[in-house]
Amino acid sequence: IPMLPVVATLAATKRQILVYAVVLVVFSATFVATGAVGRIYLVGAVALGAWFIVLAVRLARSEATEGARALYLYSLLYLALLFAAVVTDSLVNRYPIG
């Protein structure tokens, strides 16, 4: 199965990256609606997601692939920090201070 950059243009690939980044952030934020997480997670998801979208926009606007590596590396950090936000939110809600 070929990867998208092999079968589509660079511009099309960048557009798809941006679209999927926006969808990812929206769905990450709507996780709060399930009640499984709260405000701490929401703040983290929005902040992390906003930077993800900024990096995706920079990549989409670049002439070549500048920023692709930075976006890839940030995506790994994003996922780890998002999971950390879930854990932090769960712990704070389970063991409130005060």
PDB file of N, CA and C in Angstrom:
ATOM      1  N   ILE A   1       0.855  -1.171   0.000  1.00  0.00           N
ATOM      2  CA  ILE A   1       0.000   0.000   0.000  1.00  0.00           C
ATOM      3  C   ILE A   1       0.901   1.233   0.000  1.00  0.00           C
ATOM      4  N   PRO A   2       0.829   2.056  -1.041  1.00  0.00           N
ATOM      5  CA  PRO A   2       1.692   3.240  -1.111  1.00  0.00           C
ATOM      6  C   PRO A   2       1.248   4.339  -0.129  1.00  0.00           C
ATOM      7  N   MET A   3       2.213   5.102   0.316  1.00  0.00           N
ATOM      8  CA  MET A   3       1.932   6.227   1.206  1.00  0.00           C
ATOM      9  C   MET A   3       1.444   7.412   0.366  1.00  0.00           C
ATOM     10  N   LEU A   4       0.720   8.334   0.986  1.00  0.00           N
ATOM     11  CA  LEU A   4       0.111   9.458   0.282  1.00  0.00           C
ATOM     12  C   LEU A   4       1.103  10.272  -0.555  1.00  0.00           C
ATOM     13  N   PRO A   5       2.285  10.639  -0.039  1.00  0.00           N
ATOM     14  CA  PRO A   5       3.192  11.445  -0.869  1.00  0.00           C
ATOM     15  C   PRO A   5       3.635  10.741  -2.155  1.00  0.00           C
ATOM     16  N   VAL A   6       3.510   9.425  -2.206  1.00  0.00           N
ATOM     17  CA  VAL A   6       3.909   8.682  -3.398  1.00  0.00           C
ATOM     18  C   VAL A   6       2.835   8.770  -4.479  1.00  0.00           C
ATOM     19  N   VAL A   7       1.573   8.807  -4.084  1.00  0.00           N
ATOM     20  CA  VAL A   7       0.471   8.779  -5.044  1.00  0.00           C
ATOM     21  C   VAL A   7      -0.217  10.133  -5.236  1.00  0.00           C
ATOM     22  N   ALA A   8       0.142  11.123  -4.437  1.00  0.00           N
ATOM     23  CA  ALA A   8      -0.463  12.459  -4.541  1.00  0.00           C
ATOM     24  C   ALA A   8       0.647  13.502  -4.609  1.00  0.00           C
ATOM     25  N   THR A   9       0.264  14.704  -4.957  1.00  0.00           N
ATOM     26  CA  THR A   9       1.243  15.787  -5.023  1.00  0.00           C
ATOM     27  C   THR A   9       1.641  16.226  -3.621  1.00  0.00           C
ATOM     28  N   LEU A  10       2.737  16.943  -3.554  1.00  0.00           N
ATOM     29  CA  LEU A  10       3.191  17.475  -2.265  1.00  0.00           C
ATOM     30  C   LEU A  10       2.150  18.420  -1.679  1.00  0.00           C
ATOM     31  N   ALA A  11       1.552  19.254  -2.522  1.00  0.00           N
ATOM     32  CA  ALA A  11       0.526  20.195  -2.049  1.00  0.00           C
ATOM     33  C   ALA A  11      -0.683  19.449  -1.482  1.00  0.00           C
ATOM     34  N   ALA A  12      -1.108  18.394  -2.152  1.00  0.00           N
ATOM     35  CA  ALA A  12      -2.252  17.611  -1.674  1.00  0.00           C
ATOM     36  C   ALA A  12      -1.924  16.935  -0.345  1.00  0.00           C
ATOM     37  N   THR A  13      -0.712  16.442  -0.232  1.00  0.00           N
ATOM     38  CA  THR A  13      -0.289  15.809   1.012  1.00  0.00           C
ATOM     39  C   THR A  13      -0.297  16.810   2.159  1.00  0.00           C
ATOM     40  N   LYS A  14       0.207  18.004   1.918  1.00  0.00           N
ATOM     41  CA  LYS A  14       0.230  19.044   2.958  1.00  0.00           C
ATOM     42  C   LYS A  14      -1.182  19.441   3.367  1.00  0.00           C
ATOM     43  N   ARG A  15      -2.089  19.543   2.394  1.00  0.00           N
ATOM     44  CA  ARG A  15      -3.493  19.862   2.721  1.00  0.00           C
ATOM     45  C   ARG A  15      -4.097  18.777   3.604  1.00  0.00           C
ATOM     46  N   GLN A  16      -3.838  17.527   3.270  1.00  0.00           N
ATOM     47  CA  GLN A  16      -4.370  16.421   4.068  1.00  0.00           C
ATOM     48  C   GLN A  16      -3.808  16.441   5.486  1.00  0.00           C
ATOM     49  N   ILE A  17      -2.535  16.746   5.613  1.00  0.00           N
ATOM     50  CA  ILE A  17      -1.928  16.850   6.945  1.00  0.00           C
ATOM     51  C   ILE A  17      -2.645  17.915   7.760  1.00  0.00           C
ATOM     52  N   LEU A  18      -2.903  19.059   7.154  1.00  0.00           N
ATOM     53  CA  LEU A  18      -3.588  20.139   7.861  1.00  0.00           C
ATOM     54  C   LEU A  18      -5.012  19.747   8.240  1.00  0.00           C
ATOM     55  N   VAL A  19      -5.731  19.148   7.310  1.00  0.00           N
ATOM     56  CA  VAL A  19      -7.116  18.722   7.593  1.00  0.00           C
ATOM     57  C   VAL A  19      -7.133  17.711   8.733  1.00  0.00           C
ATOM     58  N   TYR A  20      -6.265  16.715   8.661  1.00  0.00           N
ATOM     59  CA  TYR A  20      -6.239  15.693   9.711  1.00  0.00           C
ATOM     60  C   TYR A  20      -5.786  16.268  11.046  1.00  0.00           C
ATOM     61  N   ALA A  21      -4.921  17.255  11.030  1.00  0.00           N
ATOM     62  CA  ALA A  21      -4.506  17.899  12.285  1.00  0.00           C
ATOM     63  C   ALA A  21      -5.689  18.598  12.937  1.00  0.00           C
ATOM     64  N   VAL A  22      -6.475  19.312  12.150  1.00  0.00           N
ATOM     65  CA  VAL A  22      -7.650  20.004  12.693  1.00  0.00           C
ATOM     66  C   VAL A  22      -8.657  18.989  13.236  1.00  0.00           C
ATOM     67  N   VAL A  23      -8.913  17.931  12.492  1.00  0.00           N
ATOM     68  CA  VAL A  23      -9.851  16.891  12.943  1.00  0.00           C
ATOM     69  C   VAL A  23      -9.353  16.248  14.236  1.00  0.00           C
ATOM     70  N   LEU A  24      -8.061  15.973  14.308  1.00  0.00           N
ATOM     71  CA  LEU A  24      -7.469  15.387  15.512  1.00  0.00           C
ATOM     72  C   LEU A  24      -7.700  16.278  16.728  1.00  0.00           C
ATOM     73  N   VAL A  25      -7.460  17.561  16.568  1.00  0.00           N
ATOM     74  CA  VAL A  25      -7.609  18.492  17.689  1.00  0.00           C
ATOM     75  C   VAL A  25      -9.074  18.600  18.114  1.00  0.00           C
ATOM     76  N   VAL A  26      -9.973  18.666  17.160  1.00  0.00           N
ATOM     77  CA  VAL A  26     -11.402  18.748  17.486  1.00  0.00           C
ATOM     78  C   VAL A  26     -11.839  17.510  18.266  1.00  0.00           C
ATOM     79  N   PHE A  27     -11.477  16.334  17.786  1.00  0.00           N
ATOM     80  CA  PHE A  27     -11.873  15.114  18.484  1.00  0.00           C
ATOM     81  C   PHE A  27     -11.187  14.978  19.837  1.00  0.00           C
ATOM     82  N   SER A  28      -9.958  15.434  19.937  1.00  0.00           N
ATOM     83  CA  SER A  28      -9.272  15.402  21.235  1.00  0.00           C
ATOM     84  C   SER A  28      -9.987  16.274  22.252  1.00  0.00           C
ATOM     85  N   ALA A  29     -10.450  17.426  21.826  1.00  0.00           N
ATOM     86  CA  ALA A  29     -11.149  18.334  22.740  1.00  0.00           C
ATOM     87  C   ALA A  29     -12.536  17.811  23.105  1.00  0.00           C
ATOM     88  N   THR A  30     -13.200  17.142  22.177  1.00  0.00           N
ATOM     89  CA  THR A  30     -14.555  16.657  22.466  1.00  0.00           C
ATOM     90  C   THR A  30     -14.562  15.447  23.397  1.00  0.00           C
ATOM     91  N   PHE A  31     -13.395  14.896  23.692  1.00  0.00           N
ATOM     92  CA  PHE A  31     -13.299  13.806  24.661  1.00  0.00           C
ATOM     93  C   PHE A  31     -13.854  14.236  26.019  1.00  0.00           C
ATOM     94  N   VAL A  32     -13.815  15.515  26.297  1.00  0.00           N
ATOM     95  CA  VAL A  32     -14.335  16.054  27.553  1.00  0.00           C
ATOM     96  C   VAL A  32     -15.836  15.777  27.671  1.00  0.00           C
ATOM     97  N   ALA A  33     -16.547  15.765  26.557  1.00  0.00           N
ATOM     98  CA  ALA A  33     -17.998  15.549  26.569  1.00  0.00           C
ATOM     99  C   ALA A  33     -18.386  14.179  27.110  1.00  0.00           C
ATOM    100  N   THR A  34     -17.462  13.225  27.111  1.00  0.00           N
ATOM    101  CA  THR A  34     -17.767  11.896  27.637  1.00  0.00           C
ATOM    102  C   THR A  34     -17.815  11.887  29.160  1.00  0.00           C
ATOM    103  N   GLY A  35     -17.237  12.891  29.777  1.00  0.00           N
ATOM    104  CA  GLY A  35     -17.186  12.944  31.233  1.00  0.00           C
ATOM    105  C   GLY A  35     -16.008  12.179  31.814  1.00  0.00           C
ATOM    106  N   ALA A  36     -15.224  11.534  30.977  1.00  0.00           N
ATOM    107  CA  ALA A  36     -14.073  10.763  31.448  1.00  0.00           C
ATOM    108  C   ALA A  36     -12.930  11.664  31.896  1.00  0.00           C
ATOM    109  N   VAL A  37     -12.880  12.867  31.363  1.00  0.00           N
ATOM    110  CA  VAL A  37     -11.843  13.835  31.714  1.00  0.00           C
ATOM    111  C   VAL A  37     -12.491  15.189  31.942  1.00  0.00           C
ATOM    112  N   GLY A  38     -11.715  16.099  32.509  1.00  0.00           N
ATOM    113  CA  GLY A  38     -12.278  17.402  32.846  1.00  0.00           C
ATOM    114  C   GLY A  38     -11.481  18.569  32.298  1.00  0.00           C
ATOM    115  N   ARG A  39     -11.479  19.643  33.088  1.00  0.00           N
ATOM    116  CA  ARG A  39     -10.896  20.910  32.636  1.00  0.00           C
ATOM    117  C   ARG A  39      -9.393  20.860  32.421  1.00  0.00           C
ATOM    118  N   ILE A  40      -8.689  20.151  33.264  1.00  0.00           N
ATOM    119  CA  ILE A  40      -7.228  20.089  33.117  1.00  0.00           C
ATOM    120  C   ILE A  40      -6.878  19.482  31.764  1.00  0.00           C
ATOM    121  N   TYR A  41      -7.553  18.403  31.431  1.00  0.00           N
ATOM    122  CA  TYR A  41      -7.330  17.777  30.132  1.00  0.00           C
ATOM    123  C   TYR A  41      -7.714  18.729  29.005  1.00  0.00           C
ATOM    124  N   LEU A  42      -8.847  19.391  29.140  1.00  0.00           N
ATOM    125  CA  LEU A  42      -9.327  20.283  28.089  1.00  0.00           C
ATOM    126  C   LEU A  42      -8.320  21.398  27.810  1.00  0.00           C
ATOM    127  N   VAL A  43      -7.801  22.001  28.853  1.00  0.00           N
ATOM    128  CA  VAL A  43      -6.806  23.064  28.680  1.00  0.00           C
ATOM    129  C   VAL A  43      -5.566  22.511  27.977  1.00  0.00           C
ATOM    130  N   GLY A  44      -5.108  21.353  28.415  1.00  0.00           N
ATOM    131  CA  GLY A  44      -3.944  20.740  27.788  1.00  0.00           C
ATOM    132  C   GLY A  44      -4.205  20.385  26.334  1.00  0.00           C
ATOM    133  N   ALA A  45      -5.366  19.793  26.060  1.00  0.00           N
ATOM    134  CA  ALA A  45      -5.699  19.386  24.690  1.00  0.00           C
ATOM    135  C   ALA A  45      -5.793  20.588  23.762  1.00  0.00           C
ATOM    136  N   VAL A  46      -6.391  21.662  24.232  1.00  0.00           N
ATOM    137  CA  VAL A  46      -6.523  22.860  23.391  1.00  0.00           C
ATOM    138  C   VAL A  46      -5.167  23.507  23.151  1.00  0.00           C
ATOM    139  N   ALA A  47      -4.360  23.635  24.194  1.00  0.00           N
ATOM    140  CA  ALA A  47      -3.040  24.257  24.044  1.00  0.00           C
ATOM    141  C   ALA A  47      -2.131  23.416  23.141  1.00  0.00           C
ATOM    142  N   LEU A  48      -2.067  22.132  23.409  1.00  0.00           N
ATOM    143  CA  LEU A  48      -1.235  21.250  22.579  1.00  0.00           C
ATOM    144  C   LEU A  48      -1.749  21.204  21.150  1.00  0.00           C
ATOM    145  N   GLY A  49      -3.062  21.150  21.002  1.00  0.00           N
ATOM    146  CA  GLY A  49      -3.662  21.103  19.670  1.00  0.00           C
ATOM    147  C   GLY A  49      -3.450  22.377  18.882  1.00  0.00           C
ATOM    148  N   ALA A  50      -3.495  23.509  19.560  1.00  0.00           N
ATOM    149  CA  ALA A  50      -3.277  24.782  18.870  1.00  0.00           C
ATOM    150  C   ALA A  50      -1.878  24.818  18.264  1.00  0.00           C
ATOM    151  N   TRP A  51      -0.884  24.352  19.018  1.00  0.00           N
ATOM    152  CA  TRP A  51       0.477  24.350  18.496  1.00  0.00           C
ATOM    153  C   TRP A  51       0.616  23.331  17.356  1.00  0.00           C
ATOM    154  N   PHE A  52      -0.081  22.219  17.463  1.00  0.00           N
ATOM    155  CA  PHE A  52      -0.073  21.217  16.393  1.00  0.00           C
ATOM    156  C   PHE A  52      -0.584  21.843  15.099  1.00  0.00           C
ATOM    157  N   ILE A  53      -1.669  22.592  15.202  1.00  0.00           N
ATOM    158  CA  ILE A  53      -2.238  23.239  14.014  1.00  0.00           C
ATOM    159  C   ILE A  53      -1.295  24.314  13.477  1.00  0.00           C
ATOM    160  N   VAL A  54      -0.666  25.059  14.359  1.00  0.00           N
ATOM    161  CA  VAL A  54       0.313  26.071  13.913  1.00  0.00           C
ATOM    162  C   VAL A  54       1.414  25.412  13.093  1.00  0.00           C
ATOM    163  N   LEU A  55       1.942  24.300  13.586  1.00  0.00           N
ATOM    164  CA  LEU A  55       2.998  23.604  12.853  1.00  0.00           C
ATOM    165  C   LEU A  55       2.488  23.042  11.522  1.00  0.00           C
ATOM    166  N   ALA A  56       1.259  22.554  11.500  1.00  0.00           N
ATOM    167  CA  ALA A  56       0.686  22.030  10.260  1.00  0.00           C
ATOM    168  C   ALA A  56       0.463  23.153   9.246  1.00  0.00           C
ATOM    169  N   VAL A  57       0.042  24.316   9.712  1.00  0.00           N
ATOM    170  CA  VAL A  57      -0.140  25.466   8.816  1.00  0.00           C
ATOM    171  C   VAL A  57       1.210  25.907   8.255  1.00  0.00           C
ATOM    172  N   ARG A  58       2.225  25.956   9.103  1.00  0.00           N
ATOM    173  CA  ARG A  58       3.570  26.317   8.623  1.00  0.00           C
ATOM    174  C   ARG A  58       4.036  25.358   7.539  1.00  0.00           C
ATOM    175  N   LEU A  59       3.798  24.072   7.744  1.00  0.00           N
ATOM    176  CA  LEU A  59       4.182  23.088   6.742  1.00  0.00           C
ATOM    177  C   LEU A  59       3.396  23.295   5.452  1.00  0.00           C
ATOM    178  N   ALA A  60       2.101  23.522   5.574  1.00  0.00           N
ATOM    179  CA  ALA A  60       1.260  23.705   4.387  1.00  0.00           C
ATOM    180  C   ALA A  60       1.675  24.933   3.581  1.00  0.00           C
ATOM    181  N   ARG A  61       2.153  25.962   4.253  1.00  0.00           N
ATOM    182  CA  ARG A  61       2.549  27.192   3.567  1.00  0.00           C
ATOM    183  C   ARG A  61       3.980  27.166   3.040  1.00  0.00           C
ATOM    184  N   SER A  62       4.759  26.196   3.468  1.00  0.00           N
ATOM    185  CA  SER A  62       6.156  26.156   3.045  1.00  0.00           C
ATOM    186  C   SER A  62       6.264  25.693   1.594  1.00  0.00           C
ATOM    187  N   GLU A  63       7.360  26.074   0.964  1.00  0.00           N
ATOM    188  CA  GLU A  63       7.590  25.732  -0.439  1.00  0.00           C
ATOM    189  C   GLU A  63       7.861  24.248  -0.634  1.00  0.00           C
ATOM    190  N   ALA A  64       8.617  23.664   0.256  1.00  0.00           N
ATOM    191  CA  ALA A  64       8.970  22.251   0.110  1.00  0.00           C
ATOM    192  C   ALA A  64       8.502  21.498   1.349  1.00  0.00           C
ATOM    193  N   THR A  65       9.398  20.795   1.974  1.00  0.00           N
ATOM    194  CA  THR A  65       9.008  20.005   3.145  1.00  0.00           C
ATOM    195  C   THR A  65       9.586  20.570   4.438  1.00  0.00           C
ATOM    196  N   GLU A  66       9.964  21.860   4.426  1.00  0.00           N
ATOM    197  CA  GLU A  66      10.459  22.459   5.665  1.00  0.00           C
ATOM    198  C   GLU A  66       9.355  22.361   6.719  1.00  0.00           C
ATOM    199  N   GLY A  67       9.711  21.896   7.856  1.00  0.00           N
ATOM    200  CA  GLY A  67       8.749  21.785   8.936  1.00  0.00           C
ATOM    201  C   GLY A  67       8.142  20.404   9.079  1.00  0.00           C
ATOM    202  N   ALA A  68       8.346  19.532   8.117  1.00  0.00           N
ATOM    203  CA  ALA A  68       7.758  18.194   8.205  1.00  0.00           C
ATOM    204  C   ALA A  68       8.350  17.411   9.375  1.00  0.00           C
ATOM    205  N   ARG A  69       9.660  17.495   9.526  1.00  0.00           N
ATOM    206  CA  ARG A  69      10.309  16.772  10.627  1.00  0.00           C
ATOM    207  C   ARG A  69       9.876  17.340  11.974  1.00  0.00           C
ATOM    208  N   ALA A  70       9.803  18.661  12.073  1.00  0.00           N
ATOM    209  CA  ALA A  70       9.370  19.288  13.325  1.00  0.00           C
ATOM    210  C   ALA A  70       7.941  18.872  13.670  1.00  0.00           C
ATOM    211  N   LEU A  71       7.076  18.824  12.675  1.00  0.00           N
ATOM    212  CA  LEU A  71       5.689  18.406  12.919  1.00  0.00           C
ATOM    213  C   LEU A  71       5.639  16.945  13.345  1.00  0.00           C
ATOM    214  N   TYR A  72       6.415  16.104  12.694  1.00  0.00           N
ATOM    215  CA  TYR A  72       6.455  14.691  13.061  1.00  0.00           C
ATOM    216  C   TYR A  72       6.920  14.522  14.506  1.00  0.00           C
ATOM    217  N   LEU A  73       8.028  15.165  14.860  1.00  0.00           N
ATOM    218  CA  LEU A  73       8.546  15.047  16.220  1.00  0.00           C
ATOM    219  C   LEU A  73       7.558  15.614  17.236  1.00  0.00           C
ATOM    220  N   TYR A  74       6.904  16.730  16.888  1.00  0.00           N
ATOM    221  CA  TYR A  74       5.913  17.292  17.800  1.00  0.00           C
ATOM    222  C   TYR A  74       4.727  16.345  17.953  1.00  0.00           C
ATOM    223  N   SER A  75       4.363  15.626  16.895  1.00  0.00           N
ATOM    224  CA  SER A  75       3.230  14.707  16.996  1.00  0.00           C
ATOM    225  C   SER A  75       3.496  13.630  18.046  1.00  0.00           C
ATOM    226  N   LEU A  76       4.747  13.204  18.156  1.00  0.00           N
ATOM    227  CA  LEU A  76       5.109  12.225  19.191  1.00  0.00           C
ATOM    228  C   LEU A  76       4.988  12.844  20.581  1.00  0.00           C
ATOM    229  N   LEU A  77       5.493  14.057  20.725  1.00  0.00           N
ATOM    230  CA  LEU A  77       5.395  14.769  21.998  1.00  0.00           C
ATOM    231  C   LEU A  77       3.937  15.068  22.343  1.00  0.00           C
ATOM    232  N   TYR A  78       3.175  15.477  21.341  1.00  0.00           N
ATOM    233  CA  TYR A  78       1.745  15.773  21.516  1.00  0.00           C
ATOM    234  C   TYR A  78       1.021  14.588  22.133  1.00  0.00           C
ATOM    235  N   LEU A  79       1.237  13.414  21.565  1.00  0.00           N
ATOM    236  CA  LEU A  79       0.556  12.224  22.053  1.00  0.00           C
ATOM    237  C   LEU A  79       0.946  11.909  23.489  1.00  0.00           C
ATOM    238  N   ALA A  80       2.240  11.985  23.782  1.00  0.00           N
ATOM    239  CA  ALA A  80       2.706  11.703  25.139  1.00  0.00           C
ATOM    240  C   ALA A  80       2.140  12.710  26.143  1.00  0.00           C
ATOM    241  N   LEU A  81       2.151  13.985  25.785  1.00  0.00           N
ATOM    242  CA  LEU A  81       1.637  15.008  26.705  1.00  0.00           C
ATOM    243  C   LEU A  81       0.118  14.945  26.834  1.00  0.00           C
ATOM    244  N   LEU A  82      -0.567  14.537  25.779  1.00  0.00           N
ATOM    245  CA  LEU A  82      -2.017  14.380  25.860  1.00  0.00           C
ATOM    246  C   LEU A  82      -2.367  13.253  26.829  1.00  0.00           C
ATOM    247  N   PHE A  83      -1.630  12.144  26.746  1.00  0.00           N
ATOM    248  CA  PHE A  83      -1.842  11.059  27.703  1.00  0.00           C
ATOM    249  C   PHE A  83      -1.511  11.508  29.118  1.00  0.00           C
ATOM    250  N   ALA A  84      -0.469  12.315  29.268  1.00  0.00           N
ATOM    251  CA  ALA A  84      -0.118  12.845  30.582  1.00  0.00           C
ATOM    252  C   ALA A  84      -1.235  13.740  31.118  1.00  0.00           C
ATOM    253  N   ALA A  85      -1.878  14.480  30.239  1.00  0.00           N
ATOM    254  CA  ALA A  85      -3.005  15.328  30.655  1.00  0.00           C
ATOM    255  C   ALA A  85      -4.175  14.471  31.134  1.00  0.00           C
ATOM    256  N   VAL A  86      -4.415  13.350  30.476  1.00  0.00           N
ATOM    257  CA  VAL A  86      -5.481  12.434  30.906  1.00  0.00           C
ATOM    258  C   VAL A  86      -5.174  11.909  32.304  1.00  0.00           C
ATOM    259  N   VAL A  87      -3.940  11.472  32.515  1.00  0.00           N
ATOM    260  CA  VAL A  87      -3.537  10.931  33.812  1.00  0.00           C
ATOM    261  C   VAL A  87      -3.626  12.004  34.886  1.00  0.00           C
ATOM    262  N   THR A  88      -3.097  13.191  34.603  1.00  0.00           N
ATOM    263  CA  THR A  88      -3.125  14.284  35.576  1.00  0.00           C
ATOM    264  C   THR A  88      -4.549  14.663  35.929  1.00  0.00           C
ATOM    265  N   ASP A  89      -5.390  14.809  34.916  1.00  0.00           N
ATOM    266  CA  ASP A  89      -6.783  15.173  35.153  1.00  0.00           C
ATOM    267  C   ASP A  89      -7.484  14.103  35.997  1.00  0.00           C
ATOM    268  N   SER A  90      -7.236  12.841  35.686  1.00  0.00           N
ATOM    269  CA  SER A  90      -7.866  11.752  36.433  1.00  0.00           C
ATOM    270  C   SER A  90      -7.410  11.728  37.885  1.00  0.00           C
ATOM    271  N   LEU A  91      -6.101  11.941  38.108  1.00  0.00           N
ATOM    272  CA  LEU A  91      -5.592  11.937  39.469  1.00  0.00           C
ATOM    273  C   LEU A  91      -6.120  13.110  40.282  1.00  0.00           C
ATOM    274  N   VAL A  92      -6.153  14.287  39.675  1.00  0.00           N
ATOM    275  CA  VAL A  92      -6.641  15.472  40.382  1.00  0.00           C
ATOM    276  C   VAL A  92      -8.124  15.317  40.714  1.00  0.00           C
ATOM    277  N   ASN A  93      -8.893  14.757  39.797  1.00  0.00           N
ATOM    278  CA  ASN A  93     -10.326  14.556  40.052  1.00  0.00           C
ATOM    279  C   ASN A  93     -10.578  13.445  41.064  1.00  0.00           C
ATOM    280  N   ARG A  94      -9.699  12.471  41.110  1.00  0.00           N
ATOM    281  CA  ARG A  94      -9.876  11.355  42.039  1.00  0.00           C
ATOM    282  C   ARG A  94      -9.407  11.719  43.441  1.00  0.00           C
ATOM    283  N   TYR A  95      -8.309  12.459  43.514  1.00  0.00           N
ATOM    284  CA  TYR A  95      -7.727  12.847  44.807  1.00  0.00           C
ATOM    285  C   TYR A  95      -7.629  14.365  44.887  1.00  0.00           C
ATOM    286  N   PRO A  96      -8.756  15.043  45.073  1.00  0.00           N
ATOM    287  CA  PRO A  96      -8.723  16.518  45.093  1.00  0.00           C
ATOM    288  C   PRO A  96      -7.881  17.044  46.254  1.00  0.00           C
ATOM    289  N   ILE A  97      -7.227  18.162  45.992  1.00  0.00           N
ATOM    290  CA  ILE A  97      -6.410  18.807  47.012  1.00  0.00           C
ATOM    291  C   ILE A  97      -7.300  19.707  47.849  1.00  0.00           C
ATOM    292  N   GLY A  98      -7.261  19.520  49.146  1.00  0.00           N
ATOM    293  CA  GLY A  98      -8.011  20.389  50.039  1.00  0.00           C
ATOM    294  C   GLY A  98      -9.324  19.912  50.357  1.00  0.00           C
TER     295      GLY A  98
END
